[in-house]
Protein backbone atom coordinates (compact mmCIF):
# COMPACT_ATOMS: atom_id res chain seq x y z
CA MET A 1 57.76 77.13 95.21
CA ARG A 2 60.53 78.40 97.47
CA ARG A 3 59.73 81.59 99.35
CA ARG A 4 62.16 84.46 99.20
CA PRO A 5 63.23 86.08 102.50
CA GLY A 6 61.13 89.05 103.46
CA ILE A 7 62.32 92.52 104.40
CA GLY A 8 62.39 91.56 108.07
CA GLY A 9 64.64 88.58 107.34
CA LEU A 10 67.04 90.70 105.29
CA GLN A 11 67.23 93.28 108.05
CA ASN A 12 67.96 90.61 110.64
CA ALA A 13 70.72 89.14 108.47
CA ALA A 14 72.26 92.59 107.98
CA ALA A 15 72.10 93.26 111.73
CA ALA A 16 73.78 89.93 112.44
CA ARG A 17 76.57 90.74 109.98
CA ASP A 18 77.10 94.11 111.66
CA GLN A 19 77.32 92.43 115.07
CA TYR A 20 79.90 89.93 113.80
CA ARG A 21 81.89 92.76 112.22
CA VAL A 22 81.88 94.81 115.43
CA LEU A 23 82.82 91.70 117.42
CA GLY A 24 85.69 90.99 115.03
CA GLU A 25 86.93 94.58 115.26
CA ASN A 26 86.83 94.43 119.07
CA VAL A 27 88.78 91.17 119.14
CA ALA A 28 91.36 92.59 116.72
CA LYS A 29 91.69 95.74 118.86
CA LEU A 30 92.16 93.67 122.01
CA ARG A 31 94.89 91.64 120.30
CA THR A 32 96.58 94.80 119.01
CA ASP A 33 96.46 96.46 122.44
CA LEU A 34 97.85 93.31 124.05
CA MET A 35 100.71 93.15 121.52
CA LYS A 36 101.51 96.85 122.07
CA GLU A 37 101.56 96.26 125.83
CA GLN A 38 103.84 93.26 125.42
CA LEU A 39 106.19 95.21 123.12
CA THR A 40 106.32 98.11 125.58
CA THR A 41 107.18 95.70 128.39
CA PHE A 42 109.81 93.96 126.27
CA ARG A 43 111.40 97.27 125.27
CA SER A 44 111.60 98.31 128.92
CA GLN A 45 113.24 95.01 129.74
CA LEU A 46 115.59 95.48 126.78
CA GLU A 47 116.64 98.90 128.07
CA GLU A 48 117.25 97.45 131.52
CA PHE A 49 119.26 94.61 129.96
CA ALA A 50 121.33 97.15 127.99
CA ARG A 51 122.09 99.16 131.12
CA LYS A 52 123.17 96.05 132.99
CA HIS A 53 125.33 94.61 130.21
CA LYS A 54 126.53 97.75 128.41
CA ASN A 55 130.22 96.88 128.86
CA ASP A 56 129.72 93.42 127.32
CA ILE A 57 127.75 94.94 124.43
CA ARG A 58 130.56 97.40 123.73
CA LYS A 59 133.49 94.98 124.04
CA ASN A 60 132.18 91.53 123.04
CA PRO A 61 131.33 91.18 119.31
CA ALA A 62 129.29 87.97 119.77
CA PHE A 63 127.30 89.49 122.63
CA ARG A 64 126.78 92.65 120.56
CA SER A 65 125.42 90.61 117.63
CA GLN A 66 122.93 88.80 119.88
CA PHE A 67 121.84 92.14 121.34
CA HIS A 68 121.13 93.46 117.83
CA GLU A 69 119.00 90.40 117.12
CA MET A 70 117.00 91.03 120.29
CA CYS A 71 116.47 94.67 119.25
CA ALA A 72 115.32 93.69 115.77
CA LYS A 73 112.59 91.44 117.18
CA VAL A 74 110.90 94.41 118.87
CA GLY A 75 111.54 96.95 116.12
CA VAL A 76 114.37 98.81 117.88
CA ASP A 77 117.30 100.02 115.77
CA PRO A 78 120.16 101.27 117.98
CA LEU A 79 121.93 102.50 114.83
CA ALA A 80 119.04 104.60 113.55
CA SER A 81 120.59 107.75 115.01
CA ASN A 82 123.75 108.75 116.81
CA LYS A 83 121.60 110.71 119.25
CA GLY A 84 119.08 109.61 121.82
CA PHE A 85 118.76 106.91 124.46
CA TRP A 86 120.73 104.09 122.81
CA SER A 87 123.60 106.30 121.70
CA GLU A 88 123.91 107.93 125.12
CA LEU A 89 123.71 104.61 126.93
CA LEU A 90 125.91 102.44 124.71
CA GLY A 91 127.72 104.74 122.30
CA ILE A 92 126.77 102.25 119.57
CA GLY A 93 126.04 104.93 116.99
CA ASP A 94 129.51 106.47 117.38
CA PHE A 95 131.12 103.00 117.26
CA TYR A 96 129.55 102.10 113.91
CA TYR A 97 130.09 105.59 112.51
CA GLU A 98 133.81 105.28 113.26
CA LEU A 99 133.81 101.76 111.84
CA GLY A 100 132.14 102.97 108.65
CA VAL A 101 134.73 105.71 108.15
CA GLN A 102 137.56 103.18 108.57
CA ILE A 103 135.90 100.76 106.15
CA VAL A 104 135.67 103.50 103.52
CA ASP A 105 139.37 104.31 104.06
CA ILE A 106 140.35 100.64 103.62
CA CYS A 107 138.19 100.23 100.51
CA LEU A 108 139.79 103.33 98.96
CA ALA A 109 143.30 102.19 99.91
CA THR A 110 142.83 98.71 98.46
CA ARG A 111 140.94 99.75 95.33
CA PRO A 112 144.07 99.98 93.13
CA HIS A 113 144.77 96.31 93.97
CA ASN A 114 141.29 94.79 93.90
CA GLY A 115 139.25 97.10 91.67
CA GLY A 116 136.84 97.98 94.47
CA LEU A 117 135.87 94.42 95.42
CA ILE A 118 137.19 92.98 98.70
CA ASN A 119 136.06 89.89 100.57
CA LEU A 120 134.52 90.40 103.99
CA GLU A 121 137.06 88.24 105.83
CA GLU A 122 139.94 90.25 104.39
CA LEU A 123 138.22 93.54 105.20
CA CYS A 124 137.77 92.50 108.85
CA LYS A 125 141.41 91.42 109.03
CA LEU A 126 142.62 94.78 107.73
CA LEU A 127 140.15 96.58 110.00
CA CYS A 128 141.41 94.76 113.10
CA GLN A 129 145.00 95.62 112.18
CA ARG A 130 144.04 99.27 111.84
CA ARG A 131 142.17 99.20 115.16
CA LYS A 132 144.77 97.18 117.08
CA VAL A 133 145.02 99.90 119.74
CA SER A 134 141.23 100.09 120.12
CA ARG A 135 139.49 98.53 123.09
CA GLU A 136 136.55 97.11 121.14
CA ALA A 137 136.97 93.93 119.10
CA VAL A 138 135.31 93.88 115.68
CA SER A 139 133.41 90.99 114.07
CA GLU A 140 132.15 90.35 110.54
CA ASP A 141 128.66 91.10 111.83
CA ASP A 142 129.88 94.54 112.97
CA CYS A 143 131.34 95.18 109.53
CA LEU A 144 128.09 94.24 107.81
CA ARG A 145 126.06 96.54 110.08
CA ALA A 146 128.45 99.44 109.48
CA ILE A 147 128.35 98.81 105.71
CA SER A 148 124.54 98.82 105.75
CA LYS A 149 124.73 102.41 107.03
CA LEU A 150 127.04 103.40 104.15
CA LYS A 151 124.19 102.99 101.65
CA VAL A 152 123.38 106.66 102.22
CA LEU A 153 126.51 107.36 100.16
CA GLY A 154 124.79 105.92 97.08
CA ASN A 155 125.02 102.59 95.29
CA GLY A 156 128.79 102.35 95.69
CA PHE A 157 128.80 100.16 98.83
CA GLU A 158 127.10 96.79 98.65
CA VAL A 159 127.50 93.27 100.03
CA ILE A 160 127.32 90.52 97.41
CA SER A 161 127.61 86.75 97.81
CA VAL A 162 129.92 84.71 95.60
CA GLY A 163 129.84 81.05 96.50
CA LYS A 164 130.36 80.77 100.24
CA ARG A 165 132.05 84.17 100.52
CA LYS A 166 130.68 87.66 101.00
CA LEU A 167 132.35 90.42 99.00
CA ILE A 168 132.14 94.14 99.60
CA ARG A 169 131.74 96.23 96.47
CA SER A 170 132.81 99.86 96.82
CA VAL A 171 132.38 100.90 93.18
CA PRO A 172 129.19 100.76 91.08
CA THR A 173 130.41 97.80 88.99
CA GLU A 174 127.69 95.49 87.70
CA LEU A 175 128.66 91.83 88.06
CA HIS A 176 126.80 89.34 85.91
CA LYS A 177 126.28 85.61 86.45
CA ASP A 178 129.35 84.71 84.37
CA HIS A 179 131.56 87.01 86.43
CA ASN A 180 130.26 85.55 89.70
CA GLU A 181 130.94 82.01 88.49
CA ILE A 182 134.54 82.91 87.61
CA LEU A 183 135.08 84.57 91.01
CA GLU A 184 133.68 81.49 92.74
CA LEU A 185 136.00 79.25 90.70
CA ALA A 186 139.00 81.45 91.58
CA GLN A 187 138.44 81.05 95.32
CA ALA A 188 140.35 77.75 95.35
CA GLN A 189 143.72 79.20 94.24
CA GLY A 190 143.18 82.92 93.88
CA PHE A 191 143.50 82.71 90.08
CA VAL A 192 142.10 80.96 87.01
CA THR A 193 143.21 80.38 83.43
CA ALA A 194 140.98 80.66 80.38
CA GLU A 195 141.46 76.94 79.75
CA GLU A 196 140.35 76.09 83.30
CA VAL A 197 137.24 78.27 82.96
CA GLU A 198 136.34 76.56 79.68
CA ARG A 199 136.85 73.08 81.14
CA ARG A 200 135.29 73.55 84.57
CA LEU A 201 132.29 75.64 83.45
CA SER A 202 131.80 74.00 80.04
CA TRP A 203 132.07 77.35 78.27
CA SER A 204 133.24 78.22 74.79
CA THR A 205 136.60 79.93 74.39
CA GLY A 206 134.94 83.20 73.37
CA ARG A 207 132.64 83.26 76.41
CA ALA A 208 135.51 82.59 78.82
CA ILE A 209 137.83 85.21 77.30
CA ASP A 210 135.06 87.82 77.11
CA ALA A 211 134.15 87.42 80.80
CA LEU A 212 137.80 87.37 81.94
CA GLU A 213 138.74 90.43 79.91
CA THR A 214 135.71 92.31 81.26
CA LEU A 215 136.84 91.58 84.83
CA LEU A 216 140.33 92.71 83.84
CA ASP A 217 139.02 95.96 82.34
CA GLU A 218 137.00 96.65 85.52
CA GLY A 219 140.19 96.40 87.58
CA LEU A 220 139.04 93.27 89.42
CA ALA A 221 141.75 91.02 87.97
CA MET A 222 145.50 91.11 87.39
CA ILE A 223 147.32 89.06 84.77
CA ASP A 224 150.43 86.92 85.10
CA ASP A 225 152.07 85.88 81.81
CA GLY A 226 155.28 84.60 83.38
CA HIS A 227 154.35 81.03 84.28
CA PRO A 228 156.53 78.26 82.78
CA ASP A 229 153.52 76.56 81.14
CA GLY A 230 152.87 79.72 79.13
CA LYS A 231 149.23 79.97 80.22
CA ARG A 232 147.98 83.40 81.25
CA ARG A 233 146.74 83.49 84.81
CA TYR A 234 144.02 85.88 85.94
CA TRP A 235 144.52 86.72 89.61
CA PHE A 236 141.66 88.06 91.73
CA PRO A 237 142.79 89.94 94.86
CA CYS A 238 139.18 90.08 96.10
CA VAL A 239 139.27 86.34 96.82
CA SER A 240 142.86 86.15 98.05
CA SER A 241 144.82 87.99 100.71
CA ILE A 242 146.08 91.48 99.88
CA SER A 243 147.33 92.44 103.34
CA SER A 244 150.92 92.18 102.26
CA PHE A 245 150.34 94.70 99.46
CA VAL A 246 148.48 97.37 101.41
CA GLY A 247 149.49 99.44 104.42
CA VAL A 248 146.76 99.30 107.03
CA ASP A 249 148.27 101.12 109.98
CA ALA A 250 146.11 103.83 111.39
CA PRO A 251 147.16 107.32 110.31
């Protein structure tokens, strides 16, 4: 018959478990302290790097994007506030605040033409035209970072992906899968016809017309009934250039 462990054996086992637990906690604490020390060192080096290269960070969009990636790896957000060390050293907070205000202006100015949906490439193009007298160049990455700070205004500003393009939505319009597929299809020419949607997406006539008319009602499409073939064309300014329709000069 197998003997059960006595009280002494149970106490020894419990003591051993406590020792392992304390050892594990000590090892975890050492690792945590080491990581904190490494992060502190890295942040100091990051601050020194920023001081040394502040002009490149301000003026070179690619360099600025890489700097943001470096900051993210150590939990530093230079855009978290327009006050403090990073703002005083680089002026980054003011730069993105100004950029955000200009993006809002452009979205409002173009809304009658695109229904509040503009592609990122077009937005950057209009932004650069508006800022042509500014010293700092602006990249798509800069636009995305400025837009991320506009979320405090509510759910009106959002970046959505349609195919290979990124679109900026400045109105709380809900786009469904059917709408996204039509916008992706329209990227080739800037427009689609109901017949093309039916053929290319294997949809019924009712499904195609319903989705197209919804986009039209939301102000995201314009219609052209003047083509010689008699087919109605649904144009989507958000996936084609609208620069020629909208004044973008700075006030």
